[in-house]
C-alpha cells in the first residue's frame, strides 16, 4: 500500500519569528522609557505650578533590566542629596516640622527675607539676626497655642517693602516709624502635600498602555510586510 509523508520545514520562519520577538522587546522598553520621561515632565510641571520651581528639575528617570526582557521596568527618582530628597518628600506627602530641642520655628512675614547675608556668609534669618540688623530689640506678643507674633518697633517699610530702622532720612521718605510684624513664631508647622503622585502614576499608566499598543502594532505591520 503506497504511503505519503509530509514534512514542514519551519526553519525558514525562525529568523522572522526572532525578529518579531526582538521588536516586541524593543517596543516594551521604548514604551517604558517614553512613559518615565513623560512622568518626569509631568512631575516637573506640577511642582512648578505649585510654586516649587527649585524642585521642578530635581527628578531623573531610568529604565532598568536587560534589553531582552518582556517586563522592562522604569523608575522616576529624585536627583539630589538628602536635603533635596527631604524637600521632595514634604512636597509629595506633606510633613510636620518641629524645632530642635523644643525651640520655636521662625516664619518670616512680609518685608522680611528668609535669608540674609551674601556669598559664604548667607544664612537663615531669625529674630536674633533681625535685631542685629535693625540695632534694636524686637517685641514678642504672645498668642494662643504657644505662638508668638514678633514685631519690630520704630521701623518703616522701605524700598520693595523691606522692613528697616526708622532713621530720620527714611522717616522723611517713607513716613513715621511704627511697630511692624516681622516673624510668626510657631511650635510646629504642618505642610500639606502639594503634588499628587497618584495622579502622575495614573496618567503614566494610561500613556504607557497607549504607547505600547501603538509600538506593537507598528512592529507587527513591519513583520507582516517583510514576510510577504
N, C-alpha and C. Protein backbone atom coordinates (compact mmCIF):
# COMPACT_ATOMS: atom_id res chain seq x y z
N UNK A 1 0.86 -1.18 0.00
CA UNK A 1 0.00 0.00 0.00
C UNK A 1 0.90 1.24 0.00
N UNK A 2 0.74 2.14 -0.98
CA UNK A 2 1.61 3.33 -1.03
C UNK A 2 1.36 4.24 0.18
N UNK A 3 2.42 4.86 0.67
CA UNK A 3 2.35 5.76 1.82
C UNK A 3 2.86 7.13 1.43
N UNK A 4 2.13 8.15 1.86
CA UNK A 4 2.54 9.53 1.59
C UNK A 4 2.98 10.19 2.90
N UNK A 5 4.04 10.90 2.86
CA UNK A 5 4.50 11.64 4.06
C UNK A 5 4.72 13.11 3.72
N UNK A 6 4.49 13.98 4.71
CA UNK A 6 4.65 15.42 4.53
C UNK A 6 5.52 15.96 5.68
N UNK A 7 6.42 16.81 5.33
CA UNK A 7 7.31 17.42 6.33
C UNK A 7 7.25 18.94 6.21
N UNK A 8 7.07 19.58 7.33
CA UNK A 8 7.04 21.04 7.36
C UNK A 8 8.38 21.56 7.85
N UNK A 9 9.03 22.33 7.04
CA UNK A 9 10.31 22.93 7.43
C UNK A 9 10.05 24.34 7.96
N UNK A 10 10.10 24.50 9.27
CA UNK A 10 9.81 25.80 9.90
C UNK A 10 11.07 26.64 10.09
N UNK A 11 12.21 26.12 9.71
CA UNK A 11 13.44 26.88 9.90
C UNK A 11 13.41 28.21 9.17
N UNK A 12 12.69 28.21 8.02
CA UNK A 12 12.66 29.45 7.24
C UNK A 12 11.87 30.56 7.95
N UNK A 13 11.05 30.19 8.95
CA UNK A 13 10.32 31.20 9.71
C UNK A 13 11.06 31.66 10.96
N UNK A 14 12.14 30.92 11.28
CA UNK A 14 12.80 31.20 12.55
C UNK A 14 13.32 32.62 12.64
N UNK A 15 13.99 33.07 11.60
CA UNK A 15 14.58 34.40 11.65
C UNK A 15 13.50 35.47 11.76
N UNK A 16 12.38 35.23 11.03
CA UNK A 16 11.29 36.21 11.09
C UNK A 16 10.66 36.22 12.49
N UNK A 17 10.51 35.06 13.08
CA UNK A 17 9.95 34.99 14.43
C UNK A 17 10.86 35.68 15.43
N UNK A 18 12.17 35.45 15.29
CA UNK A 18 13.12 36.10 16.19
C UNK A 18 13.09 37.62 16.02
N UNK A 19 12.91 38.07 14.78
CA UNK A 19 12.82 39.50 14.53
C UNK A 19 11.59 40.10 15.21
N UNK A 20 10.46 39.36 15.14
CA UNK A 20 9.25 39.84 15.76
C UNK A 20 9.40 39.90 17.29
N UNK A 21 10.05 38.88 17.86
CA UNK A 21 10.28 38.89 19.30
C UNK A 21 11.19 40.06 19.69
N UNK A 22 12.24 40.28 18.90
CA UNK A 22 13.13 41.40 19.18
C UNK A 22 12.37 42.73 19.14
N UNK A 23 11.46 42.86 18.16
CA UNK A 23 10.68 44.09 18.06
C UNK A 23 9.74 44.24 19.25
N UNK A 24 9.25 43.14 19.77
CA UNK A 24 8.40 43.19 20.96
C UNK A 24 9.23 43.66 22.17
N UNK A 25 10.45 43.13 22.29
CA UNK A 25 11.35 43.58 23.35
C UNK A 25 11.59 45.09 23.23
N UNK A 26 11.91 45.53 22.02
CA UNK A 26 12.21 46.94 21.78
C UNK A 26 10.99 47.82 22.07
N UNK A 27 9.81 47.34 21.65
CA UNK A 27 8.57 48.11 21.87
C UNK A 27 8.30 48.29 23.36
N UNK A 28 8.47 47.21 24.12
CA UNK A 28 8.23 47.31 25.56
C UNK A 28 9.19 48.26 26.24
N UNK A 29 10.46 48.15 25.89
CA UNK A 29 11.46 49.00 26.53
C UNK A 29 11.26 50.47 26.13
N UNK A 30 10.95 50.70 24.86
CA UNK A 30 10.74 52.08 24.41
C UNK A 30 9.49 52.67 25.04
N UNK A 31 8.44 51.87 25.19
CA UNK A 31 7.22 52.35 25.82
C UNK A 31 7.48 52.75 27.27
N UNK A 32 8.25 51.95 27.99
CA UNK A 32 8.57 52.27 29.39
C UNK A 32 9.45 53.52 29.45
N UNK A 33 10.44 53.62 28.55
CA UNK A 33 11.32 54.79 28.55
C UNK A 33 10.54 56.07 28.28
N UNK A 34 9.62 56.01 27.30
CA UNK A 34 8.81 57.19 27.00
C UNK A 34 7.89 57.53 28.17
N UNK A 35 7.40 56.50 28.86
CA UNK A 35 6.48 56.72 29.97
C UNK A 35 7.16 57.40 31.15
N UNK A 36 8.35 56.93 31.52
CA UNK A 36 9.03 57.54 32.67
C UNK A 36 9.48 58.96 32.34
N UNK A 37 9.84 59.21 31.08
CA UNK A 37 10.19 60.58 30.70
C UNK A 37 8.96 61.48 30.77
N UNK A 38 7.82 60.94 30.32
CA UNK A 38 6.58 61.70 30.40
C UNK A 38 6.20 61.98 31.85
N UNK A 39 6.35 60.97 32.72
CA UNK A 39 6.05 61.14 34.14
C UNK A 39 6.99 62.16 34.78
N UNK A 40 8.24 62.13 34.37
CA UNK A 40 9.21 63.11 34.88
C UNK A 40 8.79 64.52 34.50
N UNK A 41 8.40 64.73 33.24
CA UNK A 41 7.94 66.05 32.80
C UNK A 41 6.65 66.45 33.53
N UNK A 42 5.79 65.46 33.76
CA UNK A 42 4.54 65.72 34.48
C UNK A 42 4.82 66.22 35.89
N UNK A 43 5.74 65.54 36.59
CA UNK A 43 6.11 65.97 37.93
C UNK A 43 6.73 67.36 37.93
N UNK A 44 7.60 67.62 36.96
CA UNK A 44 8.23 68.93 36.88
C UNK A 44 7.18 70.02 36.71
N UNK A 45 6.20 69.77 35.82
CA UNK A 45 5.15 70.76 35.58
C UNK A 45 4.28 70.98 36.80
N UNK A 46 3.93 69.90 37.52
CA UNK A 46 3.10 70.04 38.70
C UNK A 46 3.84 70.78 39.82
N UNK A 47 5.14 70.53 39.96
CA UNK A 47 5.91 71.20 41.00
C UNK A 47 6.09 72.68 40.68
N UNK A 48 6.33 72.97 39.42
CA UNK A 48 6.45 74.38 39.04
C UNK A 48 5.12 75.10 39.27
N UNK A 49 4.01 74.43 38.94
CA UNK A 49 2.69 75.02 39.14
C UNK A 49 2.36 75.22 40.60
N UNK A 50 2.96 74.41 41.49
CA UNK A 50 2.71 74.53 42.93
C UNK A 50 3.67 75.51 43.60
N UNK A 51 4.46 76.22 42.78
CA UNK A 51 5.40 77.19 43.34
C UNK A 51 6.68 76.57 43.85
N UNK A 52 7.00 75.35 43.40
CA UNK A 52 8.21 74.66 43.85
C UNK A 52 9.23 74.62 42.71
N UNK A 53 9.47 75.78 42.12
CA UNK A 53 10.32 75.85 40.93
C UNK A 53 11.69 75.24 41.12
N UNK A 54 12.29 75.44 42.30
CA UNK A 54 13.65 74.92 42.52
C UNK A 54 13.68 73.40 42.55
N UNK A 55 12.55 72.78 42.89
CA UNK A 55 12.50 71.32 42.95
C UNK A 55 12.00 70.72 41.65
N UNK A 56 11.56 71.55 40.72
CA UNK A 56 10.97 71.03 39.48
C UNK A 56 11.96 70.17 38.70
N UNK A 57 13.23 70.51 38.75
CA UNK A 57 14.25 69.78 37.99
C UNK A 57 14.99 68.75 38.83
N UNK A 58 14.44 68.44 39.99
CA UNK A 58 15.12 67.50 40.91
C UNK A 58 14.69 66.06 40.68
N UNK A 59 14.42 65.71 39.42
CA UNK A 59 13.99 64.36 39.09
C UNK A 59 14.83 63.82 37.94
N UNK A 60 14.98 62.53 37.90
CA UNK A 60 15.62 61.86 36.77
C UNK A 60 14.91 60.52 36.55
N UNK A 61 15.00 60.00 35.33
CA UNK A 61 14.31 58.75 35.02
C UNK A 61 15.28 57.77 34.37
N UNK A 62 15.08 56.49 34.65
CA UNK A 62 15.92 55.43 34.10
C UNK A 62 15.06 54.23 33.74
N UNK A 63 15.59 53.39 32.83
CA UNK A 63 14.96 52.11 32.50
C UNK A 63 15.93 51.02 32.94
N UNK A 64 15.46 50.11 33.77
CA UNK A 64 16.33 49.11 34.37
C UNK A 64 16.14 47.75 33.69
N UNK A 65 17.08 46.84 33.97
CA UNK A 65 16.96 45.48 33.48
C UNK A 65 17.63 45.29 32.13
N UNK A 66 17.72 44.03 31.68
CA UNK A 66 18.36 43.71 30.41
C UNK A 66 17.53 44.21 29.23
N UNK A 67 18.18 44.35 28.08
CA UNK A 67 17.49 44.83 26.88
C UNK A 67 16.45 43.82 26.39
N UNK A 68 16.75 42.51 26.51
CA UNK A 68 15.83 41.48 26.03
C UNK A 68 15.01 40.93 27.21
N UNK A 69 13.91 41.58 27.48
CA UNK A 69 13.01 41.13 28.53
C UNK A 69 11.60 41.55 28.19
N UNK A 70 10.63 40.72 28.55
CA UNK A 70 9.23 41.06 28.32
C UNK A 70 8.67 41.96 29.43
N UNK A 71 9.45 42.19 30.47
CA UNK A 71 8.97 43.02 31.59
C UNK A 71 9.97 44.12 31.93
N UNK A 72 10.22 45.04 31.00
CA UNK A 72 11.12 46.15 31.31
C UNK A 72 10.51 47.03 32.41
N UNK A 73 11.36 47.62 33.21
CA UNK A 73 10.89 48.45 34.32
C UNK A 73 11.60 49.80 34.28
N UNK A 74 10.85 50.85 34.51
CA UNK A 74 11.42 52.19 34.55
C UNK A 74 11.14 52.85 35.89
N UNK A 75 11.99 53.79 36.25
CA UNK A 75 11.85 54.49 37.53
C UNK A 75 12.00 55.99 37.33
N UNK A 76 11.21 56.74 38.08
CA UNK A 76 11.42 58.18 38.22
C UNK A 76 11.84 58.40 39.66
N UNK A 77 13.01 58.96 39.85
CA UNK A 77 13.54 59.07 41.21
C UNK A 77 14.15 60.45 41.43
N UNK A 78 14.30 60.84 42.70
CA UNK A 78 14.92 62.14 43.00
C UNK A 78 16.37 62.18 42.52
N UNK A 79 16.77 63.33 42.06
CA UNK A 79 18.14 63.53 41.60
C UNK A 79 18.77 64.61 42.47
N UNK A 80 19.22 64.19 43.64
CA UNK A 80 19.80 65.16 44.57
C UNK A 80 20.23 64.51 45.86
N UNK A 81 20.73 65.32 46.77
CA UNK A 81 21.23 64.82 48.04
C UNK A 81 20.09 64.74 49.06
N UNK A 82 20.44 64.41 50.28
CA UNK A 82 19.44 64.15 51.32
C UNK A 82 18.51 65.33 51.54
N UNK A 83 19.03 66.54 51.48
CA UNK A 83 18.19 67.71 51.70
C UNK A 83 17.15 67.84 50.60
N UNK A 84 17.56 67.59 49.35
CA UNK A 84 16.62 67.66 48.23
C UNK A 84 15.57 66.58 48.35
N UNK A 85 15.99 65.36 48.71
CA UNK A 85 15.05 64.25 48.87
C UNK A 85 14.03 64.58 49.96
N UNK A 86 14.49 65.18 51.06
CA UNK A 86 13.58 65.55 52.13
C UNK A 86 12.56 66.59 51.69
N UNK A 87 13.01 67.56 50.90
CA UNK A 87 12.10 68.60 50.40
C UNK A 87 11.07 67.99 49.45
N UNK A 88 11.51 67.05 48.60
CA UNK A 88 10.58 66.38 47.69
C UNK A 88 9.56 65.55 48.47
N UNK A 89 10.04 64.87 49.50
CA UNK A 89 9.13 64.05 50.32
C UNK A 89 8.05 64.93 50.96
N UNK A 90 8.43 66.09 51.43
CA UNK A 90 7.45 67.01 52.02
C UNK A 90 6.44 67.48 51.00
N UNK A 91 6.92 67.76 49.77
CA UNK A 91 6.01 68.23 48.72
C UNK A 91 5.04 67.15 48.30
N UNK A 92 5.47 65.88 48.34
CA UNK A 92 4.64 64.78 47.87
C UNK A 92 3.70 64.24 48.94
N UNK A 93 4.17 64.21 50.18
CA UNK A 93 3.40 63.57 51.24
C UNK A 93 2.99 64.51 52.37
N UNK A 94 3.51 65.74 52.35
CA UNK A 94 3.27 66.63 53.48
C UNK A 94 4.23 66.31 54.61
N UNK A 95 4.28 67.18 55.61
CA UNK A 95 5.20 66.95 56.73
C UNK A 95 4.83 67.85 57.89
N UNK A 96 5.21 67.43 59.07
CA UNK A 96 5.09 68.25 60.27
C UNK A 96 6.49 68.55 60.77
N UNK A 97 6.83 69.83 60.82
CA UNK A 97 8.18 70.26 61.19
C UNK A 97 8.14 70.87 62.59
N UNK A 98 9.03 70.42 63.43
CA UNK A 98 9.15 70.97 64.79
C UNK A 98 10.56 71.49 64.99
N UNK A 99 10.72 72.41 65.91
CA UNK A 99 12.04 72.96 66.19
C UNK A 99 12.90 72.00 66.99
N UNK A 100 14.21 72.15 66.87
CA UNK A 100 15.13 71.32 67.64
C UNK A 100 15.06 71.65 69.13
N UNK A 101 14.99 70.62 69.96
CA UNK A 101 15.02 70.79 71.42
C UNK A 101 13.94 71.75 71.92
N UNK A 102 12.76 71.66 71.30
CA UNK A 102 11.65 72.47 71.75
C UNK A 102 11.68 73.92 71.33
N UNK A 103 12.64 74.30 70.47
CA UNK A 103 12.71 75.69 70.02
C UNK A 103 11.55 75.99 69.08
N UNK A 104 11.17 77.28 69.03
CA UNK A 104 10.11 77.71 68.13
C UNK A 104 10.66 77.91 66.72
N UNK A 105 9.78 77.75 65.75
CA UNK A 105 10.12 77.95 64.35
C UNK A 105 9.78 79.38 63.96
N UNK A 106 10.71 80.04 63.29
CA UNK A 106 10.51 81.44 62.88
C UNK A 106 10.02 81.48 61.44
N UNK A 107 8.83 82.03 61.23
CA UNK A 107 8.26 82.20 59.89
C UNK A 107 8.34 83.68 59.53
N UNK A 108 9.22 84.06 58.59
CA UNK A 108 9.33 85.48 58.21
C UNK A 108 8.03 85.98 57.58
N UNK A 109 7.65 87.19 57.90
CA UNK A 109 6.45 87.81 57.33
C UNK A 109 6.84 88.77 56.21
N UNK A 110 5.88 89.49 55.67
CA UNK A 110 6.13 90.38 54.53
C UNK A 110 7.24 91.38 54.84
N UNK A 111 8.13 91.54 53.88
CA UNK A 111 9.21 92.51 54.03
C UNK A 111 10.40 91.99 54.78
N UNK A 112 10.37 90.69 55.13
CA UNK A 112 11.49 90.08 55.86
C UNK A 112 12.03 88.92 55.02
N UNK A 113 13.27 88.99 54.63
CA UNK A 113 13.85 87.93 53.81
C UNK A 113 14.03 86.64 54.60
N UNK A 114 13.93 85.52 53.91
CA UNK A 114 14.16 84.23 54.56
C UNK A 114 15.62 84.01 54.87
N UNK A 115 16.49 84.63 54.07
CA UNK A 115 17.92 84.50 54.31
C UNK A 115 18.56 85.88 54.23
N UNK A 116 19.67 86.04 54.93
CA UNK A 116 20.38 87.32 54.92
C UNK A 116 21.85 87.05 54.66
N UNK A 117 22.58 88.13 54.36
CA UNK A 117 24.00 87.99 54.08
C UNK A 117 24.24 87.70 52.61
N UNK A 118 25.52 87.60 52.26
CA UNK A 118 25.91 87.35 50.88
C UNK A 118 26.99 86.28 50.82
N UNK A 119 27.02 85.58 49.71
CA UNK A 119 28.07 84.60 49.47
C UNK A 119 28.15 83.56 50.57
N UNK A 120 29.38 83.34 51.07
CA UNK A 120 29.61 82.32 52.10
C UNK A 120 28.99 82.68 53.44
N UNK A 121 28.65 83.95 53.64
CA UNK A 121 28.06 84.37 54.93
C UNK A 121 26.53 84.33 54.90
N UNK A 122 25.95 83.91 53.79
CA UNK A 122 24.49 83.86 53.68
C UNK A 122 23.93 82.82 54.64
N UNK A 123 22.91 83.18 55.39
CA UNK A 123 22.38 82.30 56.42
C UNK A 123 20.89 82.57 56.62
N UNK A 124 20.24 81.65 57.34
CA UNK A 124 18.81 81.78 57.60
C UNK A 124 18.53 82.99 58.49
N UNK A 125 17.46 83.69 58.19
CA UNK A 125 17.08 84.84 59.01
C UNK A 125 16.39 84.37 60.29
N UNK A 126 16.43 85.20 61.31
CA UNK A 126 15.84 84.85 62.61
C UNK A 126 15.62 86.15 63.38
N UNK A 127 14.84 86.10 64.48
CA UNK A 127 14.69 87.32 65.29
C UNK A 127 16.03 87.88 65.77
N UNK A 128 16.96 87.01 66.15
CA UNK A 128 18.26 87.48 66.61
C UNK A 128 19.01 88.21 65.50
N UNK A 129 18.97 87.65 64.28
CA UNK A 129 19.63 88.30 63.14
C UNK A 129 18.95 89.63 62.83
N UNK A 130 17.63 89.66 62.95
CA UNK A 130 16.87 90.89 62.68
C UNK A 130 17.22 91.97 63.68
N UNK A 131 17.39 91.57 64.94
CA UNK A 131 17.78 92.55 65.96
C UNK A 131 19.15 93.14 65.65
N UNK A 132 20.07 92.31 65.21
CA UNK A 132 21.41 92.81 64.88
C UNK A 132 21.34 93.78 63.70
N UNK A 133 20.51 93.44 62.71
CA UNK A 133 20.41 94.29 61.52
C UNK A 133 19.76 95.63 61.84
N UNK A 134 18.69 95.60 62.65
CA UNK A 134 17.96 96.83 62.95
C UNK A 134 18.61 97.64 64.07
N UNK A 135 19.41 96.97 64.89
CA UNK A 135 20.03 97.65 66.00
C UNK A 135 19.06 97.95 67.14
N UNK A 136 18.06 97.08 67.32
CA UNK A 136 17.08 97.28 68.38
C UNK A 136 16.42 95.97 68.74
N UNK A 137 15.85 95.92 69.95
CA UNK A 137 15.18 94.71 70.41
C UNK A 137 13.81 94.57 69.75
N UNK A 138 13.46 93.35 69.43
CA UNK A 138 12.12 93.07 68.92
C UNK A 138 11.18 92.79 70.08
N UNK A 139 9.90 92.98 69.85
CA UNK A 139 8.91 92.77 70.89
C UNK A 139 8.10 91.52 70.57
N UNK A 140 7.98 90.63 71.54
CA UNK A 140 7.26 89.37 71.37
C UNK A 140 5.87 89.49 71.99
N UNK A 141 4.85 89.23 71.17
CA UNK A 141 3.47 89.30 71.63
C UNK A 141 2.92 87.88 71.69
N UNK A 142 2.55 87.39 72.88
CA UNK A 142 2.05 86.01 72.98
C UNK A 142 0.68 85.85 72.32
N UNK A 143 0.52 84.73 71.62
CA UNK A 143 -0.75 84.35 71.00
C UNK A 143 -1.19 83.02 71.58
N UNK A 144 -2.29 82.49 71.10
CA UNK A 144 -2.77 81.19 71.60
C UNK A 144 -1.92 80.06 71.05
N UNK A 145 -1.97 78.91 71.72
CA UNK A 145 -1.28 77.71 71.24
C UNK A 145 0.22 77.78 71.27
N UNK A 146 0.79 78.59 72.16
CA UNK A 146 2.24 78.66 72.25
C UNK A 146 2.90 79.44 71.13
N UNK A 147 2.11 80.23 70.40
CA UNK A 147 2.66 81.02 69.29
C UNK A 147 2.98 82.44 69.77
N UNK A 148 3.85 83.11 69.00
CA UNK A 148 4.19 84.50 69.30
C UNK A 148 4.24 85.29 68.01
N UNK A 149 3.76 86.52 68.07
CA UNK A 149 3.96 87.47 66.98
C UNK A 149 5.10 88.39 67.38
N UNK A 150 6.12 88.47 66.54
CA UNK A 150 7.30 89.30 66.83
C UNK A 150 7.22 90.56 65.98
N UNK A 151 7.28 91.71 66.63
CA UNK A 151 7.18 92.99 65.91
C UNK A 151 8.47 93.78 66.10
N UNK A 152 8.78 94.56 65.08
CA UNK A 152 9.96 95.43 65.13
C UNK A 152 9.50 96.86 65.42
N UNK A 153 9.83 97.41 66.58
CA UNK A 153 9.37 98.77 66.92
C UNK A 153 10.14 99.85 66.17
N UNK A 154 9.43 100.96 65.92
CA UNK A 154 10.03 102.14 65.30
C UNK A 154 10.76 101.79 63.99
N UNK A 155 10.02 101.19 63.09
CA UNK A 155 10.56 100.79 61.79
C UNK A 155 9.64 101.29 60.68
N UNK A 156 10.15 101.25 59.47
CA UNK A 156 9.37 101.66 58.29
C UNK A 156 9.49 100.59 57.21
N UNK A 157 8.54 100.62 56.28
CA UNK A 157 8.66 99.77 55.09
C UNK A 157 9.35 100.60 54.01
N UNK A 158 10.58 100.22 53.72
CA UNK A 158 11.39 100.97 52.77
C UNK A 158 11.17 100.42 51.36
N UNK A 159 12.18 100.58 50.49
CA UNK A 159 12.07 100.12 49.11
C UNK A 159 11.73 98.64 49.05
N UNK A 160 10.83 98.30 48.13
CA UNK A 160 10.37 96.92 47.93
C UNK A 160 9.74 96.32 49.18
N UNK A 161 9.24 97.18 50.06
CA UNK A 161 8.52 96.72 51.24
C UNK A 161 9.39 96.18 52.35
N UNK A 162 10.70 96.35 52.26
CA UNK A 162 11.59 95.82 53.28
C UNK A 162 11.49 96.61 54.58
N UNK A 163 11.57 95.87 55.67
CA UNK A 163 11.49 96.49 57.00
C UNK A 163 12.87 97.03 57.37
N UNK A 164 12.91 98.32 57.68
CA UNK A 164 14.17 98.97 58.03
C UNK A 164 13.96 99.89 59.24
N UNK A 165 15.05 100.16 59.94
CA UNK A 165 15.00 101.07 61.08
C UNK A 165 14.55 102.46 60.62
N UNK A 166 13.77 103.11 61.46
CA UNK A 166 13.21 104.42 61.11
C UNK A 166 14.23 105.52 61.38
N UNK A 167 15.19 105.68 60.49
CA UNK A 167 16.14 106.79 60.60
C UNK A 167 15.45 108.07 60.12
N UNK A 168 16.09 109.21 60.39
CA UNK A 168 15.49 110.49 60.00
C UNK A 168 15.26 110.54 58.50
N UNK A 169 16.22 110.08 57.75
CA UNK A 169 16.09 110.12 56.29
C UNK A 169 14.97 109.21 55.81
N UNK A 170 14.86 108.02 56.40
CA UNK A 170 13.80 107.10 55.99
C UNK A 170 12.42 107.60 56.40
N UNK A 171 12.34 108.23 57.57
CA UNK A 171 11.05 108.79 58.00
C UNK A 171 10.59 109.85 57.01
N UNK A 172 11.52 110.71 56.56
CA UNK A 172 11.17 111.73 55.58
C UNK A 172 10.67 111.12 54.27
N UNK A 173 11.22 109.96 53.92
CA UNK A 173 10.87 109.33 52.63
C UNK A 173 9.69 108.38 52.73
N UNK A 174 9.60 107.61 53.85
CA UNK A 174 8.60 106.54 53.94
C UNK A 174 7.55 106.75 55.03
N UNK A 175 7.67 107.80 55.81
CA UNK A 175 6.68 108.05 56.85
C UNK A 175 7.20 107.69 58.22
N UNK A 176 6.37 108.00 59.23
CA UNK A 176 6.76 107.80 60.62
C UNK A 176 7.02 106.33 60.93
N UNK A 177 7.93 106.10 61.90
CA UNK A 177 8.22 104.74 62.34
C UNK A 177 7.06 104.16 63.12
N UNK A 178 6.89 102.85 63.04
CA UNK A 178 5.79 102.19 63.74
C UNK A 178 6.20 100.74 64.03
N UNK A 179 5.34 100.04 64.76
CA UNK A 179 5.58 98.62 65.02
C UNK A 179 5.15 97.80 63.81
N UNK A 180 6.08 97.04 63.24
CA UNK A 180 5.77 96.22 62.07
C UNK A 180 6.00 94.75 62.41
N UNK A 181 5.01 93.87 62.20
CA UNK A 181 5.20 92.43 62.43
C UNK A 181 6.27 91.89 61.49
N UNK A 182 7.22 91.12 62.04
CA UNK A 182 8.32 90.60 61.23
C UNK A 182 8.42 89.06 61.26
N UNK A 183 7.99 88.45 62.35
CA UNK A 183 8.05 86.99 62.44
C UNK A 183 6.80 86.45 63.14
N UNK A 184 6.41 85.27 62.74
CA UNK A 184 5.43 84.48 63.49
C UNK A 184 6.18 83.27 64.01
N UNK A 185 6.22 83.12 65.33
CA UNK A 185 6.95 82.03 65.96
C UNK A 185 5.97 80.91 66.30
N UNK A 186 6.27 79.70 65.82
CA UNK A 186 5.35 78.57 65.94
C UNK A 186 6.03 77.36 66.58
N UNK A 187 5.30 76.59 67.41
CA UNK A 187 5.87 75.35 67.95
C UNK A 187 6.12 74.31 66.88
N UNK A 188 5.25 74.31 65.86
CA UNK A 188 5.42 73.38 64.75
C UNK A 188 4.69 73.92 63.52
N UNK A 189 5.09 73.42 62.36
CA UNK A 189 4.46 73.81 61.10
C UNK A 189 4.06 72.54 60.37
N UNK A 190 2.81 72.49 59.95
CA UNK A 190 2.32 71.35 59.18
C UNK A 190 2.21 71.75 57.72
N UNK A 191 2.92 71.03 56.87
CA UNK A 191 2.90 71.29 55.43
C UNK A 191 2.00 70.26 54.75
N UNK A 192 1.10 70.72 53.91
CA UNK A 192 0.24 69.79 53.18
C UNK A 192 0.97 69.31 51.92
N UNK A 193 0.54 68.16 51.43
CA UNK A 193 1.08 67.64 50.17
C UNK A 193 0.68 68.59 49.04
N UNK A 194 1.61 68.91 48.19
CA UNK A 194 1.34 69.89 47.14
C UNK A 194 1.35 69.28 45.74
N UNK A 195 1.75 68.02 45.64
CA UNK A 195 1.77 67.33 44.35
C UNK A 195 1.20 65.93 44.55
N UNK A 196 0.34 65.49 43.65
CA UNK A 196 -0.29 64.17 43.76
C UNK A 196 0.45 63.14 42.94
N UNK A 197 1.12 62.21 43.64
CA UNK A 197 1.79 61.11 42.94
C UNK A 197 0.78 60.18 42.28
N UNK A 198 -0.39 60.00 42.91
CA UNK A 198 -1.41 59.11 42.35
C UNK A 198 -1.84 59.59 40.98
N UNK A 199 -1.99 60.91 40.82
CA UNK A 199 -2.39 61.46 39.53
C UNK A 199 -1.32 61.23 38.48
N UNK A 200 -0.06 61.42 38.86
CA UNK A 200 1.06 61.20 37.93
C UNK A 200 1.11 59.73 37.52
N UNK A 201 0.94 58.83 38.48
CA UNK A 201 1.00 57.40 38.19
C UNK A 201 -0.14 56.97 37.29
N UNK A 202 -1.35 57.50 37.53
CA UNK A 202 -2.50 57.14 36.71
C UNK A 202 -2.32 57.61 35.27
N UNK A 203 -1.86 58.83 35.10
CA UNK A 203 -1.63 59.34 33.74
C UNK A 203 -0.51 58.57 33.06
N UNK A 204 0.53 58.21 33.83
CA UNK A 204 1.63 57.44 33.26
C UNK A 204 1.17 56.06 32.80
N UNK A 205 0.30 55.40 33.59
CA UNK A 205 -0.19 54.08 33.21
C UNK A 205 -1.00 54.13 31.93
N UNK A 206 -1.86 55.14 31.80
CA UNK A 206 -2.66 55.28 30.58
C UNK A 206 -1.78 55.59 29.37
N UNK A 207 -0.79 56.45 29.57
CA UNK A 207 0.13 56.80 28.48
C UNK A 207 0.91 55.56 28.03
N UNK A 208 1.41 54.78 28.99
CA UNK A 208 2.20 53.60 28.65
C UNK A 208 1.38 52.58 27.87
N UNK A 209 0.14 52.36 28.27
CA UNK A 209 -0.70 51.39 27.58
C UNK A 209 -0.92 51.80 26.13
N UNK A 210 -1.22 53.07 25.92
CA UNK A 210 -1.44 53.56 24.55
C UNK A 210 -0.17 53.48 23.74
N UNK A 211 0.94 53.88 24.34
CA UNK A 211 2.23 53.87 23.63
C UNK A 211 2.65 52.46 23.28
N UNK A 212 2.49 51.51 24.20
CA UNK A 212 2.90 50.13 23.95
C UNK A 212 2.06 49.51 22.85
N UNK A 213 0.77 49.73 22.87
CA UNK A 213 -0.09 49.19 21.81
C UNK A 213 0.32 49.72 20.45
N UNK A 214 0.58 51.01 20.38
CA UNK A 214 0.98 51.60 19.11
C UNK A 214 2.29 51.02 18.60
N UNK A 215 3.25 50.82 19.48
CA UNK A 215 4.55 50.27 19.07
C UNK A 215 4.42 48.81 18.64
N UNK A 216 3.60 48.04 19.35
CA UNK A 216 3.42 46.63 18.98
C UNK A 216 2.71 46.50 17.64
N UNK A 217 1.70 47.32 17.40
CA UNK A 217 1.01 47.30 16.10
C UNK A 217 1.99 47.66 14.99
N UNK A 218 2.82 48.64 15.24
CA UNK A 218 3.83 49.03 14.25
C UNK A 218 4.80 47.89 13.98
N UNK A 219 5.22 47.18 15.03
CA UNK A 219 6.14 46.05 14.87
C UNK A 219 5.50 44.92 14.06
N UNK A 220 4.25 44.62 14.35
CA UNK A 220 3.56 43.53 13.63
C UNK A 220 3.37 43.90 12.17
N UNK A 221 3.05 45.15 11.90
CA UNK A 221 2.89 45.58 10.50
C UNK A 221 4.20 45.47 9.73
N UNK A 222 5.28 45.85 10.40
CA UNK A 222 6.60 45.72 9.74
C UNK A 222 6.93 44.27 9.48
N UNK A 223 6.61 43.40 10.46
CA UNK A 223 6.86 41.98 10.30
C UNK A 223 6.03 41.41 9.16
N UNK A 224 4.76 41.77 9.12
CA UNK A 224 3.87 41.23 8.08
C UNK A 224 4.29 41.70 6.72
N UNK A 225 4.66 42.96 6.62
CA UNK A 225 5.08 43.50 5.32
C UNK A 225 6.38 42.88 4.86
N UNK A 226 7.25 42.54 5.78
CA UNK A 226 8.55 41.97 5.40
C UNK A 226 8.48 40.51 5.05
N UNK A 227 7.34 39.80 5.44
CA UNK A 227 7.28 38.36 5.20
C UNK A 227 6.52 38.01 3.96
N UNK A 228 6.02 39.00 3.24
CA UNK A 228 5.29 38.71 2.01
C UNK A 228 6.23 38.30 0.90
